[in-house]
N, C-alpha and C. Protein backbone atom coordinates (compact mmCIF):
# COMPACT_ATOMS: atom_id res chain seq x y z
N MET A 1 -8.90 22.74 -17.34
CA MET A 1 -7.10 22.47 -18.10
C MET A 1 -6.26 21.68 -17.38
N VAL A 2 -5.96 20.75 -18.74
CA VAL A 2 -4.86 19.86 -18.23
C VAL A 2 -3.15 20.18 -17.61
N THR A 3 -2.35 20.21 -17.01
CA THR A 3 -0.99 20.49 -17.02
C THR A 3 -0.27 19.78 -17.24
N ARG A 4 1.13 19.82 -18.08
CA ARG A 4 1.47 18.58 -18.22
C ARG A 4 2.64 18.45 -17.26
N VAL A 5 3.24 17.29 -17.05
CA VAL A 5 4.17 16.99 -16.00
C VAL A 5 5.17 15.94 -16.44
N ALA A 6 6.47 16.52 -16.22
CA ALA A 6 7.53 15.99 -16.91
C ALA A 6 7.85 14.41 -15.83
N LEU A 7 7.99 13.68 -16.63
CA LEU A 7 8.07 12.10 -15.71
C LEU A 7 9.33 12.38 -15.68
N PRO A 8 10.29 11.23 -14.63
CA PRO A 8 11.56 10.88 -14.92
C PRO A 8 11.29 9.48 -15.72
N LYS A 9 11.89 8.76 -16.79
CA LYS A 9 12.14 8.38 -17.70
C LYS A 9 12.60 7.21 -16.88
N ALA A 10 13.26 7.11 -16.42
CA ALA A 10 13.92 5.40 -15.87
C ALA A 10 12.97 5.37 -13.88
N THR A 11 12.84 4.51 -13.57
CA THR A 11 12.58 4.53 -12.42
C THR A 11 13.52 3.26 -11.60
N ILE A 12 14.59 4.01 -11.78
CA ILE A 12 15.10 4.10 -10.57
C ILE A 12 15.30 4.43 -9.00
N SER A 13 15.25 4.92 -9.09
CA SER A 13 14.70 5.32 -7.96
C SER A 13 12.64 6.03 -8.24
N GLU A 14 12.30 6.30 -7.06
CA GLU A 14 10.84 6.63 -6.54
C GLU A 14 11.24 8.13 -6.80
N GLU A 15 10.20 8.39 -7.56
CA GLU A 15 9.99 10.43 -7.93
C GLU A 15 8.32 10.55 -7.42
N ARG A 16 8.01 11.64 -6.80
CA ARG A 16 6.66 11.88 -6.50
C ARG A 16 6.29 13.27 -6.80
N VAL A 17 5.37 13.30 -7.75
CA VAL A 17 5.03 14.22 -8.22
C VAL A 17 3.25 15.33 -8.25
N LEU A 18 3.54 16.32 -7.18
CA LEU A 18 2.09 16.15 -7.09
C LEU A 18 1.26 17.60 -8.09
N LEU A 19 0.45 17.52 -8.76
CA LEU A 19 0.02 18.12 -10.04
C LEU A 19 -0.50 19.14 -9.16
N PRO A 20 -0.03 20.84 -10.42
CA PRO A 20 -0.61 22.10 -9.21
C PRO A 20 -1.73 22.41 -9.74
N GLY A 21 -2.62 22.53 -8.61
CA GLY A 21 -4.19 23.02 -8.10
C GLY A 21 -5.13 22.23 -8.16
N CYS A 22 -6.04 22.35 -7.60
CA CYS A 22 -7.43 21.90 -6.84
C CYS A 22 -8.37 20.88 -8.30
N TYR A 23 -8.40 19.54 -8.41
CA TYR A 23 -8.82 19.00 -8.98
C TYR A 23 -10.78 18.06 -8.42
N SER A 24 -11.32 18.71 -8.97
CA SER A 24 -12.83 17.64 -9.26
C SER A 24 -13.05 16.88 -9.04
N TRP A 25 -13.66 15.82 -8.79
CA TRP A 25 -13.98 14.45 -8.88
C TRP A 25 -13.45 14.06 -10.66
N SER A 26 -14.94 14.85 -11.12
CA SER A 26 -15.06 14.76 -12.47
C SER A 26 -13.99 15.19 -13.66
N GLN A 27 -13.00 15.75 -13.01
CA GLN A 27 -12.03 16.41 -13.39
C GLN A 27 -10.35 15.30 -12.75
N PHE A 28 -10.79 14.61 -11.97
CA PHE A 28 -9.33 13.03 -11.93
C PHE A 28 -9.90 12.06 -12.68
N GLU A 29 -11.02 12.13 -12.87
CA GLU A 29 -11.77 10.94 -13.72
C GLU A 29 -11.06 11.10 -15.12
N ALA A 30 -11.67 12.51 -15.94
CA ALA A 30 -10.66 13.12 -16.93
C ALA A 30 -9.57 12.44 -17.68
N ILE A 31 -8.58 12.83 -16.13
CA ILE A 31 -7.27 12.79 -16.12
C ILE A 31 -6.51 11.50 -16.08
N ALA A 32 -7.03 10.45 -15.22
CA ALA A 32 -6.80 9.97 -14.16
C ALA A 32 -6.34 8.26 -15.69
N PRO A 33 -7.41 8.13 -16.45
CA PRO A 33 -6.46 7.34 -17.76
C PRO A 33 -5.31 7.98 -18.90
N SER A 34 -5.43 8.98 -18.93
CA SER A 34 -4.36 8.82 -19.32
C SER A 34 -3.09 9.27 -18.96
N PHE A 35 -2.59 8.42 -17.64
CA PHE A 35 -2.17 7.88 -17.32
C PHE A 35 -1.58 6.42 -16.86
N ALA A 36 -3.02 5.72 -17.26
CA ALA A 36 -3.49 4.61 -17.16
C ALA A 36 -2.24 3.81 -17.85
N ASP A 37 -1.27 4.42 -18.83
CA ASP A 37 -0.70 3.39 -19.95
C ASP A 37 0.87 3.48 -19.12
N ILE A 38 1.86 4.02 -18.69
CA ILE A 38 2.42 4.88 -18.45
C ILE A 38 2.57 3.56 -16.72
N LEU A 39 3.50 2.14 -17.24
CA LEU A 39 4.00 1.88 -16.77
C LEU A 39 5.20 2.01 -15.24
N SER A 40 4.51 1.19 -14.41
CA SER A 40 4.88 1.96 -13.09
C SER A 40 4.36 3.36 -12.72
N LEU A 41 3.61 3.32 -12.56
CA LEU A 41 3.62 4.84 -11.98
C LEU A 41 1.95 4.33 -11.33
N ARG A 42 1.56 4.91 -9.84
CA ARG A 42 0.64 4.92 -9.51
C ARG A 42 -0.04 6.80 -9.61
N VAL A 43 -1.44 6.43 -8.90
CA VAL A 43 -2.03 7.80 -8.95
C VAL A 43 -3.17 7.52 -8.04
N THR A 44 -2.79 8.78 -7.01
CA THR A 44 -3.35 9.22 -5.79
C THR A 44 -4.10 10.39 -5.55
N TYR A 45 -5.56 10.47 -5.16
CA TYR A 45 -6.63 11.47 -5.41
C TYR A 45 -7.48 11.28 -4.11
N LEU A 46 -6.91 12.87 -3.37
CA LEU A 46 -7.47 13.37 -2.03
C LEU A 46 -7.60 14.48 -1.72
N ASP A 47 -8.90 14.84 -1.50
CA ASP A 47 -9.95 15.94 -1.72
C ASP A 47 -8.88 17.37 -2.63
N GLY A 48 -9.14 16.82 -3.95
CA GLY A 48 -8.49 17.38 -4.91
C GLY A 48 -7.47 18.05 -5.42
N CYS A 49 -6.40 16.48 -4.38
CA CYS A 49 -4.97 16.98 -5.01
C CYS A 49 -4.51 15.19 -5.30
N ILE A 50 -4.06 15.54 -7.03
CA ILE A 50 -3.72 14.43 -7.50
C ILE A 50 -1.75 14.25 -7.08
N GLU A 51 -1.40 13.38 -6.82
CA GLU A 51 0.11 12.64 -6.74
C GLU A 51 -0.22 11.59 -7.51
N LEU A 52 1.50 11.80 -8.35
CA LEU A 52 1.35 10.26 -9.56
C LEU A 52 3.30 10.06 -9.05
N MET A 53 3.08 8.99 -8.28
CA MET A 53 5.01 8.56 -7.90
C MET A 53 5.06 7.22 -9.18
N THR A 54 6.31 7.45 -8.91
CA THR A 54 6.95 6.05 -10.03
C THR A 54 7.22 4.76 -8.67
N ILE A 55 7.69 3.94 -9.33
CA ILE A 55 7.14 2.40 -8.51
C ILE A 55 8.98 1.95 -9.28
N SER A 56 9.57 2.14 -8.16
CA SER A 56 11.29 1.56 -8.13
C SER A 56 11.16 -0.11 -7.94
N GLU A 57 12.21 -0.62 -8.50
CA GLU A 57 12.50 -2.31 -8.58
C GLU A 57 12.31 -2.23 -6.79
N LYS A 58 13.10 -1.80 -6.24
CA LYS A 58 13.59 -2.11 -4.94
C LYS A 58 11.95 -2.06 -4.18
N HIS A 59 11.06 -0.81 -4.21
CA HIS A 59 9.90 -0.61 -3.79
C HIS A 59 9.51 -2.40 -4.82
N GLU A 60 9.14 -2.67 -5.94
CA GLU A 60 8.34 -3.73 -5.88
C GLU A 60 8.80 -5.33 -5.37
N SER A 61 10.36 -5.40 -5.58
CA SER A 61 10.59 -6.47 -4.59
C SER A 61 10.24 -6.67 -2.96
N ILE A 62 10.14 -5.22 -2.61
CA ILE A 62 9.86 -5.47 -1.18
C ILE A 62 8.45 -5.92 -0.81
N SER A 63 7.81 -5.51 -1.07
CA SER A 63 6.62 -5.40 -1.53
C SER A 63 6.02 -6.58 -2.55
N SER A 64 6.83 -7.36 -2.79
CA SER A 64 6.11 -8.26 -3.12
C SER A 64 6.54 -9.49 -2.18
N PHE A 65 7.96 -9.85 -1.71
CA PHE A 65 8.30 -10.06 -0.42
C PHE A 65 7.11 -10.36 0.29
N ILE A 66 7.27 -9.58 1.19
CA ILE A 66 6.05 -8.80 1.98
C ILE A 66 4.93 -9.86 1.57
N GLY A 67 4.12 -9.81 0.55
CA GLY A 67 3.10 -10.15 0.11
C GLY A 67 3.48 -11.85 -0.01
N PHE A 68 4.20 -12.29 -0.06
CA PHE A 68 4.57 -14.28 -0.16
C PHE A 68 5.32 -14.25 1.40
N LEU A 69 5.31 -13.85 2.27
CA LEU A 69 5.50 -14.07 3.44
C LEU A 69 4.41 -14.41 4.14
N LEU A 70 3.69 -13.23 3.88
CA LEU A 70 2.29 -13.87 4.02
C LEU A 70 1.02 -14.55 3.83
N GLN A 71 1.56 -15.25 2.27
CA GLN A 71 0.47 -15.68 1.81
C GLN A 71 1.20 -17.02 2.55
N LEU A 72 2.25 -17.69 2.52
CA LEU A 72 2.98 -18.65 3.33
C LEU A 72 2.47 -18.55 4.77
N TYR A 73 1.99 -17.85 5.95
CA TYR A 73 1.77 -17.56 7.00
C TYR A 73 0.41 -17.76 6.93
N PHE A 74 -0.32 -17.38 5.84
CA PHE A 74 -1.83 -17.67 5.83
C PHE A 74 -2.52 -18.87 5.78
N LEU A 75 -1.25 -19.65 4.50
CA LEU A 75 -1.53 -21.24 4.46
C LEU A 75 -0.90 -22.10 5.31
N GLU A 76 0.03 -21.60 6.22
CA GLU A 76 0.83 -22.58 7.56
C GLU A 76 -0.74 -22.76 8.48
N MET A 77 -1.39 -21.18 8.64
CA MET A 77 -2.04 -20.99 10.06
C MET A 77 -3.20 -21.53 9.48
N GLU A 78 -3.83 -21.66 8.12
CA GLU A 78 -5.39 -22.19 7.83
C GLU A 78 -6.24 -20.35 8.52
N ILE A 79 -5.49 -19.23 8.08
CA ILE A 79 -6.19 -18.18 7.40
C ILE A 79 -6.81 -18.50 6.22
N GLU A 80 -7.90 -18.29 6.17
CA GLU A 80 -8.89 -17.58 4.30
C GLU A 80 -8.89 -17.06 4.72
N TYR A 81 -7.85 -16.45 3.76
CA TYR A 81 -7.38 -15.48 3.22
C TYR A 81 -8.13 -14.40 1.27
N GLU A 82 -8.17 -13.53 1.05
CA GLU A 82 -7.95 -12.88 -0.64
C GLU A 82 -6.96 -12.53 -0.64
N PRO A 83 -5.98 -12.47 -1.56
CA PRO A 83 -5.49 -11.29 -2.07
C PRO A 83 -5.55 -10.64 -3.00
N VAL A 84 -6.01 -9.13 -2.69
CA VAL A 84 -6.53 -8.14 -3.91
C VAL A 84 -5.37 -7.24 -4.30
N GLY A 85 -3.83 -7.59 -4.17
CA GLY A 85 -2.85 -6.69 -4.21
C GLY A 85 -2.97 -5.29 -4.18
N ASN A 86 -2.68 -4.31 -5.34
CA ASN A 86 -2.59 -3.20 -5.88
C ASN A 86 -3.76 -2.83 -6.00
N ALA A 87 -5.24 -3.75 -6.26
CA ALA A 87 -6.25 -2.94 -6.60
C ALA A 87 -6.74 -2.12 -5.95
N THR A 88 -7.22 -0.86 -7.57
CA THR A 88 -7.47 0.24 -7.12
C THR A 88 -8.76 0.91 -6.06
N ARG A 89 -8.76 1.53 -4.74
CA ARG A 89 -9.55 1.92 -4.26
C ARG A 89 -9.92 3.15 -4.21
N SER A 90 -11.47 2.94 -4.85
CA SER A 90 -11.89 4.64 -5.33
C SER A 90 -13.01 4.47 -4.26
N ASP A 91 -13.29 6.41 -4.33
CA ASP A 91 -15.11 6.49 -3.71
C ASP A 91 -15.31 8.01 -3.85
N ARG A 92 -16.13 8.18 -4.74
CA ARG A 92 -16.17 9.54 -5.38
C ARG A 92 -16.44 10.31 -3.89
N ASP A 93 -17.50 9.37 -3.17
CA ASP A 93 -18.30 10.43 -2.03
C ASP A 93 -17.48 11.18 -1.21
N ARG A 94 -16.59 10.44 -0.55
CA ARG A 94 -15.59 10.71 0.13
C ARG A 94 -14.55 11.13 -0.09
N LYS A 95 -14.36 11.60 -2.02
CA LYS A 95 -13.31 12.21 -2.71
C LYS A 95 -11.74 11.23 -2.56
N VAL A 96 -11.18 9.87 -2.99
CA VAL A 96 -10.41 9.22 -2.70
C VAL A 96 -10.18 8.16 -3.46
N SER A 97 -9.55 8.33 -4.35
CA SER A 97 -8.81 7.08 -5.07
C SER A 97 -7.41 6.86 -4.33
N PHE A 98 -6.78 5.18 -4.57
CA PHE A 98 -5.89 5.02 -4.48
C PHE A 98 -5.20 3.44 -4.68
N GLU A 99 -4.32 3.39 -4.60
CA GLU A 99 -3.71 1.60 -5.03
C GLU A 99 -2.45 1.43 -3.80
N PRO A 100 -3.00 0.56 -3.06
CA PRO A 100 -1.87 0.33 -1.91
C PRO A 100 -1.23 -0.62 -2.69
N ASP A 101 0.57 -1.17 -1.77
CA ASP A 101 0.81 -2.05 -2.09
C ASP A 101 0.87 -3.22 -2.09
N GLU A 102 -0.27 -3.61 -1.45
CA GLU A 102 -0.32 -5.13 -1.29
C GLU A 102 -1.48 -5.18 -0.46
N SER A 103 -3.15 -5.43 -0.50
CA SER A 103 -4.22 -5.32 0.37
C SER A 103 -4.37 -6.97 0.07
N TYR A 104 -5.51 -7.52 1.52
CA TYR A 104 -5.83 -8.77 1.56
C TYR A 104 -7.41 -8.16 2.50
N TYR A 105 -8.42 -9.21 1.79
CA TYR A 105 -9.74 -9.40 2.72
C TYR A 105 -9.37 -10.38 3.83
N ILE A 106 -9.32 -11.00 5.09
CA ILE A 106 -9.03 -11.78 5.44
C ILE A 106 -10.49 -12.30 6.54
N GLY A 107 -10.85 -13.42 6.43
CA GLY A 107 -11.65 -13.74 6.49
C GLY A 107 -13.47 -13.59 5.93
N ASP A 108 -14.17 -13.08 6.57
CA ASP A 108 -15.29 -12.46 5.32
C ASP A 108 -15.14 -10.75 5.06
N LYS A 109 -15.81 -11.23 3.53
CA LYS A 109 -15.28 -10.41 2.56
C LYS A 109 -15.80 -8.91 2.80
N GLY A 110 -15.70 -7.92 3.19
CA GLY A 110 -16.01 -6.80 3.28
C GLY A 110 -16.61 -5.44 1.98
N LYS A 111 -16.55 -4.67 1.90
CA LYS A 111 -16.60 -3.37 0.64
C LYS A 111 -15.13 -3.47 0.52
N HIS A 112 -14.37 -3.46 1.80
CA HIS A 112 -12.81 -2.88 1.30
C HIS A 112 -12.27 -4.14 2.27
N PRO A 113 -10.54 -4.38 1.48
CA PRO A 113 -9.92 -5.05 2.11
C PRO A 113 -9.63 -5.00 3.63
N ASN A 114 -9.53 -5.51 4.52
CA ASN A 114 -9.37 -5.31 6.13
C ASN A 114 -7.96 -5.18 6.31
N LEU A 115 -6.77 -5.12 5.84
CA LEU A 115 -5.25 -4.87 5.87
C LEU A 115 -4.85 -4.80 3.98
N ALA A 116 -4.02 -3.41 4.72
CA ALA A 116 -3.42 -2.85 3.87
C ALA A 116 -2.07 -2.42 3.79
N ILE A 117 -0.75 -3.12 3.18
CA ILE A 117 0.27 -2.03 3.25
C ILE A 117 1.03 -1.60 2.07
N GLU A 118 1.82 -0.51 2.64
CA GLU A 118 2.35 0.20 1.57
C GLU A 118 3.45 0.48 1.94
N VAL A 119 5.01 0.16 0.90
CA VAL A 119 5.82 0.47 0.69
C VAL A 119 6.78 2.10 0.88
N ILE A 120 6.90 2.68 2.12
CA ILE A 120 7.53 3.75 1.37
C ILE A 120 8.77 4.26 1.07
N ILE A 121 9.20 4.53 -0.11
CA ILE A 121 10.76 4.64 -0.20
C ILE A 121 11.64 5.83 -0.45
N THR A 122 10.08 6.46 -0.79
CA THR A 122 10.02 8.30 -1.24
C THR A 122 9.01 8.88 -0.08
N SER A 123 8.88 9.55 0.80
CA SER A 123 7.71 9.63 1.18
C SER A 123 6.79 11.06 0.39
N GLY A 124 5.61 10.81 0.33
CA GLY A 124 5.02 11.63 -0.57
C GLY A 124 4.49 13.30 0.36
N THR A 125 3.33 13.61 -0.22
CA THR A 125 2.44 14.82 0.03
C THR A 125 1.04 14.46 0.57
N ILE A 126 0.83 13.23 0.04
CA ILE A 126 -0.12 12.89 0.35
C ILE A 126 -0.66 11.97 1.37
N ASP A 127 -1.38 12.94 2.92
CA ASP A 127 -1.58 12.10 3.98
C ASP A 127 -2.34 10.69 3.68
N LYS A 128 -1.01 9.51 3.71
CA LYS A 128 -1.29 8.59 3.49
C LYS A 128 -2.88 7.51 4.21
N LEU A 129 -2.54 8.43 5.89
CA LEU A 129 -3.18 7.16 6.42
C LEU A 129 -4.86 7.77 6.04
N GLU A 130 -4.70 9.00 6.08
CA GLU A 130 -6.26 9.26 5.68
C GLU A 130 -6.74 9.12 5.10
N LYS A 131 -6.34 8.67 3.63
CA LYS A 131 -7.28 7.73 2.27
C LYS A 131 -7.32 6.75 2.99
N TYR A 132 -6.41 5.64 3.80
CA TYR A 132 -7.51 4.81 3.64
C TYR A 132 -8.69 4.85 5.13
N LYS A 133 -8.34 6.00 5.91
CA LYS A 133 -9.12 6.24 7.13
C LYS A 133 -10.58 6.59 6.23
N ARG A 134 -10.59 6.85 4.83
CA ARG A 134 -12.14 6.78 4.37
C ARG A 134 -12.89 5.95 4.02
N LEU A 135 -11.87 4.98 3.75
CA LEU A 135 -12.36 4.06 3.30
C LEU A 135 -12.38 2.95 4.75
N HIS A 136 -12.18 3.22 5.74
CA HIS A 136 -12.95 2.59 6.94
C HIS A 136 -11.70 1.46 6.57
N ILE A 137 -10.71 0.95 6.63
CA ILE A 137 -9.38 0.21 5.89
C ILE A 137 -8.99 -0.89 7.52
N GLU A 138 -9.43 -1.91 8.44
CA GLU A 138 -8.69 -1.67 9.22
C GLU A 138 -7.88 -1.53 10.16
N GLU A 139 -6.68 -1.98 9.32
CA GLU A 139 -5.13 -2.59 9.33
C GLU A 139 -4.48 -1.86 8.22
N VAL A 140 -3.48 -0.84 8.80
CA VAL A 140 -2.71 -0.22 7.38
C VAL A 140 -1.10 -0.47 8.18
N TRP A 141 -0.22 -1.41 7.10
CA TRP A 141 1.21 -1.58 8.22
C TRP A 141 2.13 -0.66 6.81
N PHE A 142 2.71 0.16 7.23
CA PHE A 142 3.66 0.69 6.44
C PHE A 142 5.11 0.35 6.57
N TRP A 143 5.59 0.47 5.51
CA TRP A 143 7.50 0.03 5.71
C TRP A 143 8.56 1.20 5.05
N GLU A 144 9.12 1.36 6.58
CA GLU A 144 10.06 2.47 5.95
C GLU A 144 11.53 2.76 6.11
N SER A 145 12.19 2.92 5.75
CA SER A 145 13.56 2.55 6.51
C SER A 145 13.62 1.12 7.26
N ASP A 146 13.29 0.00 6.85
CA ASP A 146 13.72 -1.54 7.02
C ASP A 146 12.76 -1.40 8.11
N ARG A 147 11.92 -0.98 8.02
CA ARG A 147 10.86 -1.23 9.81
C ARG A 147 9.54 -1.29 9.53
N LEU A 148 8.54 -2.05 9.98
CA LEU A 148 7.53 -2.03 9.28
C LEU A 148 6.59 -1.24 10.79
N SER A 149 5.25 -0.32 10.71
CA SER A 149 4.94 -0.07 11.87
C SER A 149 3.89 0.11 11.02
N VAL A 150 3.06 -0.70 12.60
CA VAL A 150 1.41 -1.18 12.12
C VAL A 150 0.52 -0.51 12.75
N TYR A 151 -0.54 0.01 12.14
CA TYR A 151 -1.93 1.27 13.17
C TYR A 151 -3.25 0.46 12.50
N ARG A 152 -3.80 0.93 13.39
CA ARG A 152 -5.16 0.02 13.75
C ARG A 152 -5.95 1.30 13.82
N LEU A 153 -6.93 0.83 12.66
CA LEU A 153 -8.20 2.41 12.96
C LEU A 153 -9.39 1.58 14.44
N GLN A 154 -9.17 2.61 14.95
CA GLN A 154 -9.66 2.92 15.92
C GLN A 154 -10.61 4.29 15.80
N GLY A 155 -12.03 3.85 16.57
CA GLY A 155 -12.91 5.05 15.85
C GLY A 155 -12.75 5.47 14.60
N GLU A 156 -12.80 6.92 14.77
CA GLU A 156 -12.41 7.76 13.58
C GLU A 156 -10.75 7.86 13.45
N SER A 157 -9.90 7.65 14.18
CA SER A 157 -8.41 7.73 13.72
C SER A 157 -7.26 6.58 13.95
N TYR A 158 -6.22 6.79 13.12
CA TYR A 158 -5.66 5.05 13.80
C TYR A 158 -4.74 5.64 14.40
N GLN A 159 -4.25 4.66 15.28
CA GLN A 159 -2.86 4.49 16.69
C GLN A 159 -2.08 3.39 16.05
N ALA A 160 -1.56 3.61 16.35
CA ALA A 160 0.34 3.00 16.28
C ALA A 160 -0.06 2.32 17.05
N VAL A 161 0.77 0.52 17.28
CA VAL A 161 0.21 -0.54 17.64
C VAL A 161 1.39 -1.33 17.45
N ASP A 162 1.24 -2.28 18.08
CA ASP A 162 2.68 -2.94 18.52
C ASP A 162 3.00 -4.40 17.60
N ARG A 163 1.44 -4.66 17.91
CA ARG A 163 1.33 -5.95 16.87
C ARG A 163 -0.45 -5.55 16.18
N SER A 164 -0.09 -6.90 15.02
CA SER A 164 -1.41 -6.43 14.49
C SER A 164 -2.75 -7.20 15.58
N GLN A 165 -3.88 -6.37 15.01
CA GLN A 165 -5.07 -7.64 15.41
C GLN A 165 -5.53 -8.49 14.78
N ILE A 166 -5.65 -7.99 13.54
CA ILE A 166 -6.22 -8.78 12.58
C ILE A 166 -4.90 -10.55 12.77
N LEU A 167 -4.12 -10.54 12.83
CA LEU A 167 -3.39 -11.21 12.66
C LEU A 167 -2.19 -10.99 14.11
N PRO A 168 -3.19 -11.60 15.20
CA PRO A 168 -2.13 -11.52 16.37
C PRO A 168 -0.99 -12.36 17.06
N ASP A 169 -1.23 -13.69 16.44
CA ASP A 169 -0.17 -14.65 16.73
C ASP A 169 0.76 -14.11 15.36
N LEU A 170 0.73 -13.29 14.41
CA LEU A 170 2.57 -13.49 13.84
C LEU A 170 3.17 -12.71 14.61
N ASP A 171 4.71 -12.94 13.94
CA ASP A 171 5.82 -12.30 14.45
C ASP A 171 6.14 -11.09 13.75
N ILE A 172 6.07 -9.83 14.48
CA ILE A 172 6.06 -8.93 13.09
C ILE A 172 7.96 -9.21 12.70
N ASP A 173 8.39 -9.06 14.12
CA ASP A 173 9.70 -9.02 14.58
C ASP A 173 10.63 -9.77 13.59
N LEU A 174 9.97 -11.49 14.00
CA LEU A 174 10.71 -12.23 12.76
C LEU A 174 10.52 -11.66 11.42
N LEU A 175 9.02 -11.53 10.56
CA LEU A 175 8.22 -10.72 9.03
C LEU A 175 9.36 -9.48 8.69
N VAL A 176 10.42 -8.92 9.34
CA VAL A 176 10.89 -7.90 9.20
C VAL A 176 12.32 -7.93 9.26
N ARG A 177 12.53 -9.08 9.94
CA ARG A 177 13.84 -9.67 10.12
C ARG A 177 14.35 -10.71 8.89
N CYS A 178 13.16 -10.85 8.18
CA CYS A 178 13.18 -12.44 7.26
C CYS A 178 12.99 -11.01 5.91
N VAL A 179 12.26 -10.05 5.82
CA VAL A 179 12.19 -9.21 4.40
C VAL A 179 14.05 -8.41 4.30
N LYS A 180 14.40 -8.28 5.39
CA LYS A 180 16.01 -7.56 5.21
C LYS A 180 16.79 -8.51 4.69
N MET A 181 16.38 -9.63 4.90
CA MET A 181 17.58 -11.08 4.46
C MET A 181 18.24 -10.72 2.92
N ASP A 182 19.46 -11.14 2.56
CA ASP A 182 19.32 -10.94 1.36
C ASP A 182 19.39 -12.36 0.16
N SER A 183 19.38 -13.43 1.21
CA SER A 183 18.40 -14.86 0.61
C SER A 183 17.01 -14.56 0.63
N ARG A 184 16.46 -14.35 -0.60
CA ARG A 184 15.09 -14.69 -0.63
C ARG A 184 15.02 -16.12 0.15
N VAL A 185 15.25 -17.25 -0.60
CA VAL A 185 15.04 -19.27 -0.58
C VAL A 185 15.37 -18.60 1.31
N ALA A 186 16.58 -18.64 1.79
CA ALA A 186 16.47 -18.60 3.26
C ALA A 186 16.12 -18.15 4.30
N ALA A 187 15.19 -16.38 3.31
CA ALA A 187 14.11 -15.75 4.30
C ALA A 187 13.00 -16.74 4.28
N GLY A 188 12.70 -17.95 3.07
CA GLY A 188 11.33 -17.88 3.91
C GLY A 188 11.13 -19.04 4.03
N LYS A 189 12.76 -19.93 4.83
CA LYS A 189 12.82 -21.00 5.00
C LYS A 189 13.07 -20.77 6.40
N ALA A 190 13.45 -19.30 7.24
CA ALA A 190 13.34 -18.95 8.26
C ALA A 190 12.58 -18.25 9.13
N PHE A 191 11.55 -18.25 7.88
CA PHE A 191 10.07 -17.76 8.50
C PHE A 191 9.53 -18.75 8.62
N ARG A 192 9.15 -20.19 7.47
CA ARG A 192 9.37 -20.99 7.78
C ARG A 192 8.74 -21.75 9.25
N SER A 193 10.39 -21.87 9.31
CA SER A 193 10.56 -22.82 10.98
C SER A 193 10.29 -21.97 11.92
N ASN A 194 9.70 -20.96 12.13
CA ASN A 194 9.50 -20.33 13.38
C ASN A 194 7.85 -19.89 14.16
């Protein structure tokens, strides 16, 4: 049985809704397509829980600009990469399905991207690092409250680290300062000049 959930009509702010109950993977696969045509809606599945999240303009602006600055960095540093954005990452056996805000294969291409980035405007109910751990994504960055936190998969858990190990020469503090700037043009110039 599918429970109807009222979602906000406007995405001025973000909203998160956890569907009541526990769902099998088959039920999730049956439910998920019904949300596919709703713009600015993300669906996450982890261990039977389904979370729906609307995406705000602020969220998309920050996510896109972090991606833009990273791609500038890759080009300037001549780092081979493939951006795969928010392509759905899904694994039935590991009971997980989600969409990062930005993601990249850096260097050799594996089964899943090496780097994933999430912008957090409103906190959610699903364990964010757990879903990435299930797919063995090396590094996860979280933008929250005008700060960037970097987590590195070490063994079976993520550890907070001061700098990226995938991109060890990237000045994280500079990236944060530029993302927070009002002028995107000025921020891009500042980022490139350092």
